[in-house]
Amino acid sequence: MFKNPMVKNILSALAVAVFGFLLLNIAFIFDYLLHSLVMRIITPFLPVSPYPEMTNNWLPPLMHILFMIVIGLISWLIFRTKLGVLYKAIYLTVPLAVIFVTIGIFLYQWPVAAYSLGGFFAMGALYYFYHTKQPWLYSYTVILVGLVLAIFSLSGGEI
């Protein structure tokens, strides 16, 4: 049954959706832990305030950029390994979600610009995967993450 290419492709697509969702939850927990660690380190150097994020406008964007850099470094290491395509496609949900969410965070005041830039990024990634003849699972992951986050955002969801 698992040797049938159709069954294998359907199970692979399902695995990317299910395990990618689980991995995104782990990434949110990791973001919280990283944020907490950095805040413990830098709070003594900030003006006294019960909520340093509220009194220092530069802090939330800096924290998000730091998380994006960490995810980028982890992604670079993972994609250089000899892991299978399925595992890399599952992991790809995390950096894609981070990029789409970053676009949304920094352009939330201009929704048309946020959706346009997100769409251009998705099209660029799809073009890259097609042009370099990457496995279809990578393109599927881009489409899945892009659509899920777009639907989530359009339905009023906030991160």
N, C-alpha and C. Protein backbone atom coordinates (compact mmCIF):
# COMPACT_ATOMS: atom_id res chain seq x y z
N MET A 1 0.81 -1.19 0.00
CA MET A 1 0.00 0.00 0.00
C MET A 1 0.86 1.26 0.00
N PHE A 2 1.95 1.28 0.80
CA PHE A 2 2.81 2.46 0.87
C PHE A 2 3.70 2.60 -0.36
N LYS A 3 3.76 1.57 -1.19
CA LYS A 3 4.57 1.66 -2.40
C LYS A 3 3.82 2.36 -3.53
N ASN A 4 2.51 2.49 -3.38
CA ASN A 4 1.71 3.20 -4.36
C ASN A 4 2.08 4.69 -4.28
N PRO A 5 2.53 5.30 -5.40
CA PRO A 5 2.96 6.70 -5.37
C PRO A 5 1.85 7.67 -4.94
N MET A 6 0.62 7.38 -5.32
CA MET A 6 -0.49 8.25 -4.95
C MET A 6 -0.69 8.26 -3.43
N VAL A 7 -0.66 7.10 -2.82
CA VAL A 7 -0.82 6.99 -1.37
C VAL A 7 0.36 7.65 -0.66
N LYS A 8 1.55 7.43 -1.18
CA LYS A 8 2.75 8.04 -0.58
C LYS A 8 2.68 9.57 -0.65
N ASN A 9 2.23 10.12 -1.77
CA ASN A 9 2.12 11.57 -1.92
C ASN A 9 1.06 12.15 -0.98
N ILE A 10 -0.07 11.47 -0.87
CA ILE A 10 -1.13 11.96 0.02
C ILE A 10 -0.67 11.92 1.47
N LEU A 11 -0.02 10.83 1.87
CA LEU A 11 0.49 10.73 3.24
C LEU A 11 1.58 11.75 3.51
N SER A 12 2.43 12.02 2.51
CA SER A 12 3.46 13.05 2.67
C SER A 12 2.84 14.43 2.85
N ALA A 13 1.84 14.76 2.05
CA ALA A 13 1.17 16.05 2.17
C ALA A 13 0.48 16.17 3.53
N LEU A 14 -0.13 15.11 3.98
CA LEU A 14 -0.77 15.10 5.30
C LEU A 14 0.25 15.25 6.41
N ALA A 15 1.40 14.59 6.26
CA ALA A 15 2.46 14.70 7.27
C ALA A 15 3.00 16.12 7.36
N VAL A 16 3.16 16.78 6.23
CA VAL A 16 3.62 18.18 6.24
C VAL A 16 2.63 19.05 6.98
N ALA A 17 1.34 18.86 6.73
CA ALA A 17 0.32 19.68 7.39
C ALA A 17 0.27 19.41 8.89
N VAL A 18 0.23 18.16 9.29
CA VAL A 18 0.07 17.81 10.71
C VAL A 18 1.34 18.12 11.50
N PHE A 19 2.47 17.58 11.05
CA PHE A 19 3.71 17.79 11.81
C PHE A 19 4.23 19.22 11.68
N GLY A 20 3.93 19.88 10.57
CA GLY A 20 4.28 21.29 10.43
C GLY A 20 3.53 22.13 11.44
N PHE A 21 2.24 21.83 11.66
CA PHE A 21 1.44 22.54 12.65
C PHE A 21 2.02 22.31 14.05
N LEU A 22 2.39 21.08 14.35
CA LEU A 22 3.00 20.79 15.66
C LEU A 22 4.32 21.53 15.82
N LEU A 23 5.11 21.56 14.77
CA LEU A 23 6.39 22.26 14.81
C LEU A 23 6.20 23.77 14.99
N LEU A 24 5.16 24.32 14.40
CA LEU A 24 4.87 25.74 14.59
C LEU A 24 4.54 26.04 16.05
N ASN A 25 3.83 25.15 16.70
CA ASN A 25 3.54 25.34 18.13
C ASN A 25 4.82 25.30 18.95
N ILE A 26 5.71 24.40 18.61
CA ILE A 26 7.00 24.34 19.30
C ILE A 26 7.79 25.62 19.03
N ALA A 27 7.70 26.16 17.82
CA ALA A 27 8.40 27.41 17.49
C ALA A 27 7.85 28.58 18.32
N PHE A 28 6.53 28.61 18.55
CA PHE A 28 5.96 29.66 19.40
C PHE A 28 6.47 29.55 20.83
N ILE A 29 6.59 28.34 21.33
CA ILE A 29 7.13 28.13 22.68
C ILE A 29 8.60 28.57 22.71
N PHE A 30 9.35 28.22 21.67
CA PHE A 30 10.75 28.63 21.58
C PHE A 30 10.86 30.16 21.53
N ASP A 31 9.96 30.81 20.81
CA ASP A 31 9.96 32.28 20.75
C ASP A 31 9.74 32.86 22.14
N TYR A 32 8.81 32.30 22.88
CA TYR A 32 8.55 32.78 24.24
C TYR A 32 9.79 32.59 25.12
N LEU A 33 10.42 31.42 25.04
CA LEU A 33 11.60 31.16 25.86
C LEU A 33 12.76 32.09 25.49
N LEU A 34 12.97 32.30 24.19
CA LEU A 34 14.02 33.22 23.74
C LEU A 34 13.72 34.64 24.21
N HIS A 35 12.48 35.05 24.06
CA HIS A 35 12.06 36.38 24.49
C HIS A 35 12.30 36.55 26.00
N SER A 36 11.92 35.56 26.78
CA SER A 36 12.10 35.62 28.24
C SER A 36 13.58 35.70 28.61
N LEU A 37 14.40 34.92 27.94
CA LEU A 37 15.84 34.92 28.22
C LEU A 37 16.45 36.28 27.91
N VAL A 38 16.14 36.82 26.75
CA VAL A 38 16.69 38.11 26.35
C VAL A 38 16.20 39.21 27.29
N MET A 39 14.94 39.16 27.68
CA MET A 39 14.41 40.17 28.60
C MET A 39 15.11 40.10 29.96
N ARG A 40 15.41 38.90 30.43
CA ARG A 40 16.14 38.77 31.71
C ARG A 40 17.53 39.39 31.61
N ILE A 41 18.13 39.27 30.43
CA ILE A 41 19.49 39.79 30.24
C ILE A 41 19.48 41.31 30.12
N ILE A 42 18.53 41.87 29.36
CA ILE A 42 18.59 43.31 29.07
C ILE A 42 17.78 44.18 30.02
N THR A 43 16.87 43.61 30.79
CA THR A 43 16.03 44.42 31.69
C THR A 43 16.84 45.28 32.66
N PRO A 44 17.94 44.79 33.23
CA PRO A 44 18.71 45.67 34.14
C PRO A 44 19.26 46.93 33.47
N PHE A 45 19.38 46.90 32.15
CA PHE A 45 19.94 48.04 31.43
C PHE A 45 18.88 48.99 30.90
N LEU A 46 17.60 48.65 31.10
CA LEU A 46 16.51 49.48 30.62
C LEU A 46 15.98 50.36 31.74
N PRO A 47 15.32 51.48 31.40
CA PRO A 47 14.70 52.30 32.44
C PRO A 47 13.70 51.48 33.25
N VAL A 48 13.56 51.81 34.51
CA VAL A 48 12.67 51.07 35.40
C VAL A 48 11.23 51.23 34.91
N SER A 49 10.59 50.10 34.66
CA SER A 49 9.21 50.10 34.18
C SER A 49 8.65 48.70 34.38
N PRO A 50 7.38 48.59 34.77
CA PRO A 50 6.81 47.25 34.92
C PRO A 50 6.67 46.52 33.59
N TYR A 51 6.53 47.27 32.50
CA TYR A 51 6.40 46.69 31.16
C TYR A 51 7.39 47.36 30.22
N PRO A 52 8.63 46.86 30.15
CA PRO A 52 9.64 47.52 29.31
C PRO A 52 9.26 47.56 27.83
N GLU A 53 8.45 46.58 27.37
CA GLU A 53 8.05 46.56 25.96
C GLU A 53 7.17 47.76 25.61
N MET A 54 6.42 48.24 26.62
CA MET A 54 5.50 49.35 26.38
C MET A 54 6.22 50.70 26.38
N THR A 55 7.27 50.83 27.16
CA THR A 55 7.96 52.11 27.26
C THR A 55 9.12 52.24 26.28
N ASN A 56 9.53 51.15 25.69
CA ASN A 56 10.62 51.16 24.71
C ASN A 56 10.08 50.65 23.37
N ASN A 57 9.69 51.56 22.50
CA ASN A 57 9.05 51.18 21.23
C ASN A 57 9.95 50.32 20.34
N TRP A 58 11.22 50.41 20.52
CA TRP A 58 12.16 49.69 19.67
C TRP A 58 12.31 48.22 20.10
N LEU A 59 11.88 47.89 21.30
CA LEU A 59 12.12 46.56 21.84
C LEU A 59 11.34 45.44 21.14
N PRO A 60 10.02 45.54 20.93
CA PRO A 60 9.30 44.44 20.26
C PRO A 60 9.82 44.13 18.85
N PRO A 61 10.06 45.15 17.99
CA PRO A 61 10.62 44.81 16.68
C PRO A 61 12.00 44.16 16.78
N LEU A 62 12.81 44.65 17.72
CA LEU A 62 14.14 44.06 17.89
C LEU A 62 14.05 42.60 18.33
N MET A 63 13.13 42.30 19.24
CA MET A 63 12.95 40.93 19.71
C MET A 63 12.50 40.02 18.56
N HIS A 64 11.60 40.54 17.71
CA HIS A 64 11.14 39.72 16.59
C HIS A 64 12.25 39.51 15.56
N ILE A 65 13.03 40.54 15.31
CA ILE A 65 14.15 40.40 14.37
C ILE A 65 15.17 39.39 14.92
N LEU A 66 15.42 39.43 16.22
CA LEU A 66 16.32 38.46 16.83
C LEU A 66 15.81 37.04 16.64
N PHE A 67 14.51 36.84 16.86
CA PHE A 67 13.92 35.51 16.66
C PHE A 67 14.05 35.09 15.20
N MET A 68 13.83 36.03 14.29
CA MET A 68 13.95 35.72 12.87
C MET A 68 15.37 35.31 12.50
N ILE A 69 16.35 35.97 13.08
CA ILE A 69 17.76 35.62 12.83
C ILE A 69 18.07 34.23 13.36
N VAL A 70 17.58 33.93 14.57
CA VAL A 70 17.82 32.60 15.16
C VAL A 70 17.18 31.52 14.29
N ILE A 71 15.94 31.72 13.87
CA ILE A 71 15.27 30.75 13.00
C ILE A 71 16.02 30.62 11.67
N GLY A 72 16.51 31.73 11.15
CA GLY A 72 17.29 31.68 9.91
C GLY A 72 18.55 30.85 10.06
N LEU A 73 19.26 31.01 11.17
CA LEU A 73 20.48 30.21 11.41
C LEU A 73 20.15 28.73 11.58
N ILE A 74 19.10 28.43 12.33
CA ILE A 74 18.69 27.03 12.49
C ILE A 74 18.28 26.45 11.13
N SER A 75 17.56 27.22 10.33
CA SER A 75 17.12 26.77 9.02
C SER A 75 18.31 26.49 8.11
N TRP A 76 19.28 27.37 8.14
CA TRP A 76 20.48 27.19 7.32
C TRP A 76 21.16 25.86 7.69
N LEU A 77 21.26 25.59 8.98
CA LEU A 77 21.87 24.33 9.41
C LEU A 77 21.04 23.12 9.00
N ILE A 78 19.74 23.19 9.15
CA ILE A 78 18.88 22.05 8.82
C ILE A 78 18.90 21.76 7.32
N PHE A 79 18.85 22.79 6.50
CA PHE A 79 18.82 22.55 5.06
C PHE A 79 20.17 22.15 4.48
N ARG A 80 21.22 22.22 5.28
CA ARG A 80 22.53 21.73 4.84
C ARG A 80 22.73 20.26 5.21
N THR A 81 21.85 19.70 6.03
CA THR A 81 21.99 18.31 6.45
C THR A 81 21.49 17.38 5.36
N LYS A 82 21.65 16.11 5.61
CA LYS A 82 21.20 15.09 4.66
C LYS A 82 19.84 14.51 5.05
N LEU A 83 19.05 15.30 5.78
CA LEU A 83 17.69 14.86 6.12
C LEU A 83 16.90 14.64 4.84
N GLY A 84 15.89 13.80 4.93
CA GLY A 84 15.04 13.53 3.78
C GLY A 84 14.18 14.73 3.41
N VAL A 85 13.68 14.71 2.20
CA VAL A 85 12.86 15.79 1.68
C VAL A 85 11.63 16.02 2.56
N LEU A 86 11.00 14.94 3.01
CA LEU A 86 9.80 15.08 3.84
C LEU A 86 10.11 15.84 5.12
N TYR A 87 11.20 15.51 5.78
CA TYR A 87 11.57 16.19 7.03
C TYR A 87 11.89 17.66 6.79
N LYS A 88 12.58 17.94 5.70
CA LYS A 88 12.89 19.33 5.38
C LYS A 88 11.63 20.11 5.02
N ALA A 89 10.70 19.47 4.33
CA ALA A 89 9.44 20.13 3.98
C ALA A 89 8.62 20.42 5.23
N ILE A 90 8.63 19.49 6.17
CA ILE A 90 7.93 19.72 7.43
C ILE A 90 8.56 20.89 8.16
N TYR A 91 9.88 20.92 8.23
CA TYR A 91 10.56 22.02 8.91
C TYR A 91 10.34 23.35 8.18
N LEU A 92 10.22 23.31 6.87
CA LEU A 92 10.06 24.53 6.07
C LEU A 92 8.84 25.35 6.51
N THR A 93 7.88 24.71 7.16
CA THR A 93 6.72 25.46 7.65
C THR A 93 7.13 26.56 8.63
N VAL A 94 8.17 26.30 9.42
CA VAL A 94 8.58 27.29 10.44
C VAL A 94 9.19 28.54 9.81
N PRO A 95 10.25 28.43 9.00
CA PRO A 95 10.78 29.68 8.44
C PRO A 95 9.79 30.41 7.54
N LEU A 96 8.95 29.66 6.83
CA LEU A 96 7.95 30.33 6.00
C LEU A 96 6.96 31.10 6.86
N ALA A 97 6.48 30.48 7.92
CA ALA A 97 5.54 31.17 8.81
C ALA A 97 6.20 32.39 9.44
N VAL A 98 7.46 32.27 9.81
CA VAL A 98 8.16 33.41 10.41
C VAL A 98 8.26 34.56 9.41
N ILE A 99 8.55 34.24 8.16
CA ILE A 99 8.66 35.30 7.14
C ILE A 99 7.30 35.94 6.90
N PHE A 100 6.26 35.12 6.71
CA PHE A 100 4.92 35.68 6.47
C PHE A 100 4.44 36.51 7.66
N VAL A 101 4.66 36.01 8.85
CA VAL A 101 4.23 36.74 10.05
C VAL A 101 5.03 38.03 10.21
N THR A 102 6.31 38.00 9.90
CA THR A 102 7.13 39.20 9.97
C THR A 102 6.62 40.27 9.00
N ILE A 103 6.30 39.87 7.81
CA ILE A 103 5.72 40.80 6.84
C ILE A 103 4.44 41.39 7.40
N GLY A 104 3.60 40.54 7.98
CA GLY A 104 2.34 41.01 8.56
C GLY A 104 2.55 41.94 9.73
N ILE A 105 3.52 41.64 10.58
CA ILE A 105 3.78 42.47 11.76
C ILE A 105 4.26 43.86 11.36
N PHE A 106 5.21 43.90 10.45
CA PHE A 106 5.79 45.19 10.09
C PHE A 106 4.92 46.02 9.14
N LEU A 107 3.97 45.38 8.47
CA LEU A 107 3.11 46.11 7.55
C LEU A 107 1.63 46.03 7.94
N TYR A 108 1.35 45.79 9.23
CA TYR A 108 -0.04 45.61 9.65
C TYR A 108 -0.90 46.84 9.40
N GLN A 109 -0.30 48.01 9.35
CA GLN A 109 -1.07 49.24 9.11
C GLN A 109 -1.47 49.38 7.64
N TRP A 110 -0.82 48.65 6.78
CA TRP A 110 -1.10 48.69 5.35
C TRP A 110 -1.40 47.28 4.86
N PRO A 111 -2.62 46.79 5.06
CA PRO A 111 -2.94 45.41 4.71
C PRO A 111 -2.69 45.06 3.25
N VAL A 112 -2.98 45.99 2.35
CA VAL A 112 -2.76 45.71 0.93
C VAL A 112 -1.27 45.45 0.67
N ALA A 113 -0.43 46.25 1.28
CA ALA A 113 1.02 46.07 1.12
C ALA A 113 1.46 44.74 1.74
N ALA A 114 0.91 44.41 2.90
CA ALA A 114 1.30 43.16 3.57
C ALA A 114 0.92 41.94 2.74
N TYR A 115 -0.33 41.91 2.24
CA TYR A 115 -0.76 40.77 1.42
C TYR A 115 -0.01 40.74 0.09
N SER A 116 0.25 41.90 -0.48
CA SER A 116 0.98 41.96 -1.76
C SER A 116 2.41 41.44 -1.58
N LEU A 117 3.10 41.93 -0.56
CA LEU A 117 4.47 41.49 -0.33
C LEU A 117 4.52 40.00 0.02
N GLY A 118 3.55 39.55 0.82
CA GLY A 118 3.47 38.11 1.12
C GLY A 118 3.25 37.29 -0.13
N GLY A 119 2.37 37.78 -1.00
CA GLY A 119 2.12 37.09 -2.27
C GLY A 119 3.34 37.08 -3.17
N PHE A 120 4.05 38.20 -3.24
CA PHE A 120 5.27 38.26 -4.05
C PHE A 120 6.34 37.32 -3.49
N PHE A 121 6.45 37.28 -2.17
CA PHE A 121 7.41 36.35 -1.57
C PHE A 121 7.05 34.91 -1.90
N ALA A 122 5.77 34.56 -1.77
CA ALA A 122 5.33 33.19 -2.07
C ALA A 122 5.60 32.85 -3.54
N MET A 123 5.28 33.77 -4.42
CA MET A 123 5.53 33.52 -5.85
C MET A 123 7.02 33.38 -6.13
N GLY A 124 7.83 34.19 -5.47
CA GLY A 124 9.28 34.09 -5.64
C GLY A 124 9.81 32.75 -5.15
N ALA A 125 9.31 32.29 -4.00
CA ALA A 125 9.73 31.00 -3.47
C ALA A 125 9.29 29.87 -4.41
N LEU A 126 8.06 29.95 -4.90
CA LEU A 126 7.57 28.93 -5.83
C LEU A 126 8.39 28.92 -7.12
N TYR A 127 8.71 30.10 -7.62
CA TYR A 127 9.55 30.19 -8.82
C TYR A 127 10.91 29.57 -8.56
N TYR A 128 11.50 29.88 -7.41
CA TYR A 128 12.81 29.33 -7.07
C TYR A 128 12.75 27.80 -7.01
N PHE A 129 11.75 27.26 -6.35
CA PHE A 129 11.64 25.81 -6.24
C PHE A 129 11.41 25.16 -7.61
N TYR A 130 10.62 25.81 -8.46
CA TYR A 130 10.38 25.28 -9.80
C TYR A 130 11.65 25.37 -10.65
N HIS A 131 12.30 26.53 -10.60
CA HIS A 131 13.49 26.77 -11.42
C HIS A 131 14.65 25.84 -11.03
N THR A 132 14.79 25.55 -9.74
CA THR A 132 15.88 24.68 -9.28
C THR A 132 15.46 23.22 -9.21
N LYS A 133 14.24 22.93 -9.71
CA LYS A 133 13.72 21.56 -9.78
C LYS A 133 13.71 20.85 -8.41
N GLN A 134 13.23 21.58 -7.40
CA GLN A 134 13.11 21.02 -6.06
C GLN A 134 11.87 20.12 -6.00
N PRO A 135 11.82 19.21 -5.05
CA PRO A 135 10.65 18.34 -4.91
C PRO A 135 9.36 19.13 -4.69
N TRP A 136 8.26 18.56 -5.13
CA TRP A 136 6.96 19.22 -5.08
C TRP A 136 6.53 19.53 -3.65
N LEU A 137 7.02 18.80 -2.68
CA LEU A 137 6.63 19.03 -1.28
C LEU A 137 7.01 20.43 -0.80
N TYR A 138 8.10 20.97 -1.30
CA TYR A 138 8.50 22.32 -0.91
C TYR A 138 7.49 23.34 -1.42
N SER A 139 7.08 23.21 -2.66
CA SER A 139 6.08 24.12 -3.23
C SER A 139 4.75 23.96 -2.50
N TYR A 140 4.38 22.73 -2.21
CA TYR A 140 3.16 22.47 -1.45
C TYR A 140 3.21 23.17 -0.09
N THR A 141 4.36 23.12 0.56
CA THR A 141 4.51 23.75 1.87
C THR A 141 4.35 25.26 1.77
N VAL A 142 4.92 25.88 0.75
CA VAL A 142 4.77 27.33 0.56
C VAL A 142 3.30 27.68 0.38
N ILE A 143 2.61 26.93 -0.47
CA ILE A 143 1.20 27.21 -0.73
C ILE A 143 0.36 26.97 0.54
N LEU A 144 0.62 25.88 1.22
CA LEU A 144 -0.14 25.55 2.43
C LEU A 144 0.03 26.63 3.50
N VAL A 145 1.27 26.97 3.83
CA VAL A 145 1.52 27.96 4.89
C VAL A 145 0.98 29.33 4.48
N GLY A 146 1.21 29.72 3.23
CA GLY A 146 0.72 31.01 2.75
C GLY A 146 -0.80 31.10 2.83
N LEU A 147 -1.49 30.07 2.36
CA LEU A 147 -2.95 30.09 2.38
C LEU A 147 -3.51 30.05 3.81
N VAL A 148 -2.94 29.20 4.64
CA VAL A 148 -3.43 29.10 6.03
C VAL A 148 -3.26 30.43 6.76
N LEU A 149 -2.10 31.05 6.62
CA LEU A 149 -1.89 32.33 7.31
C LEU A 149 -2.73 33.45 6.71
N ALA A 150 -2.94 33.43 5.41
CA ALA A 150 -3.79 34.44 4.77
C ALA A 150 -5.23 34.29 5.24
N ILE A 151 -5.74 33.07 5.25
CA ILE A 151 -7.10 32.82 5.72
C ILE A 151 -7.24 33.19 7.20
N PHE A 152 -6.25 32.82 8.00
CA PHE A 152 -6.24 33.15 9.42
C PHE A 152 -6.31 34.67 9.61
N SER A 153 -5.50 35.37 8.86
CA SER A 153 -5.45 36.84 8.99
C SER A 153 -6.74 37.48 8.48
N LEU A 154 -7.23 37.02 7.33
CA LEU A 154 -8.45 37.60 6.76
C LEU A 154 -9.69 37.33 7.62
N SER A 155 -9.64 36.25 8.40
CA SER A 155 -10.79 35.94 9.25
C SER A 155 -10.71 36.65 10.60
N GLY A 156 -9.72 37.53 10.76
CA GLY A 156 -9.63 38.35 11.97
C GLY A 156 -8.67 37.81 13.01
N GLY A 157 -7.93 36.79 12.70
CA GLY A 157 -6.99 36.23 13.65
C GLY A 157 -5.78 37.14 13.85
N GLU A 158 -5.27 37.14 15.06
CA GLU A 158 -4.08 37.93 15.39
C GLU A 158 -3.10 37.06 16.14
N ILE A 159 -1.83 37.34 15.92
CA ILE A 159 -0.80 36.58 16.62
C ILE A 159 -0.33 37.38 17.81
